[in-house]
Amino acid sequence: MNIRILSGTPLFQGIKEQEIEAMLQCLSAEEKEFEKDAYIYRTGDITGRLGIVMEGSVNIIKDDVWGNRKIIENIGQGQIFAETYACLKGEAMMVDVQALGPARVLFVDVKRILTTCPSACDFHARLIRSLMYVLAHKNLVLTKKMDVITPKSLRERVLVYLSQESVKQGNRMVTVPFNRQQMADYLSVDRSALSGELSRMQKEGVIAYEKNRFQIL
């Protein structure tokens, strides 16, 4: 287990690496490996554990009864998922969590964070504050997602998304974590329509792109 990765996550930010090792035992932490496209959680699952991506990335997916797929969010290395459901005891998940490629995930029992253990560990208060930060940040992420899918025109959705990624990555040249179908699912649009619009935008000098690398011109 790479403790250095954990020390850079929002949940363990500011906590020394040697302290993290002791915390993981108290939190009943368990690391698992997943193959590409493997489901980590499925709609209807009930869990008390949040996941921390140690290697690779995972997609948060919503499928409707007609088979239409929407990608809600991509979770990369060091990021956390399922924390909301883990905090809501008995709440069934309304999304799937799927590995984008080979991935390693560390699962942490949220109940062990929120409940003081018999050893009276002094780190619980810090972890609770960090968990509150994670929940607040996730709310912000979902707000940004609403900004992406609210515009009616496909071009506006593309521009809003690339603008957000540009700010996030600090560069007008950005790499998105999706292939074309996944990008279409994230923007809630048809794949062929997206490909056609991207081609027009490139011809008009609005953007330049190759596969999943985009430059805002």
Foldseek 3Di string as FASTA:
>chain_A
DDLVLQCPALLNDPPDSVVVVVVCVLQVKDKDKDAAFDWPDAFFDQALKKKAWQAAKKWKWAADPVGQIATQDIGHHRAIPPLVRNVVHPDTHRTIITGNGITMIMITRVVSLVDQDPVRDPCSVVSVVSSVVNVVVVVVSNVLLCCLQVDPDPVSNVVSVLVVQCVVVVHQKGFDPDFQVNVCSHNVHDSVVNVVVVVVCVVVVQWDDDTRIIGGD
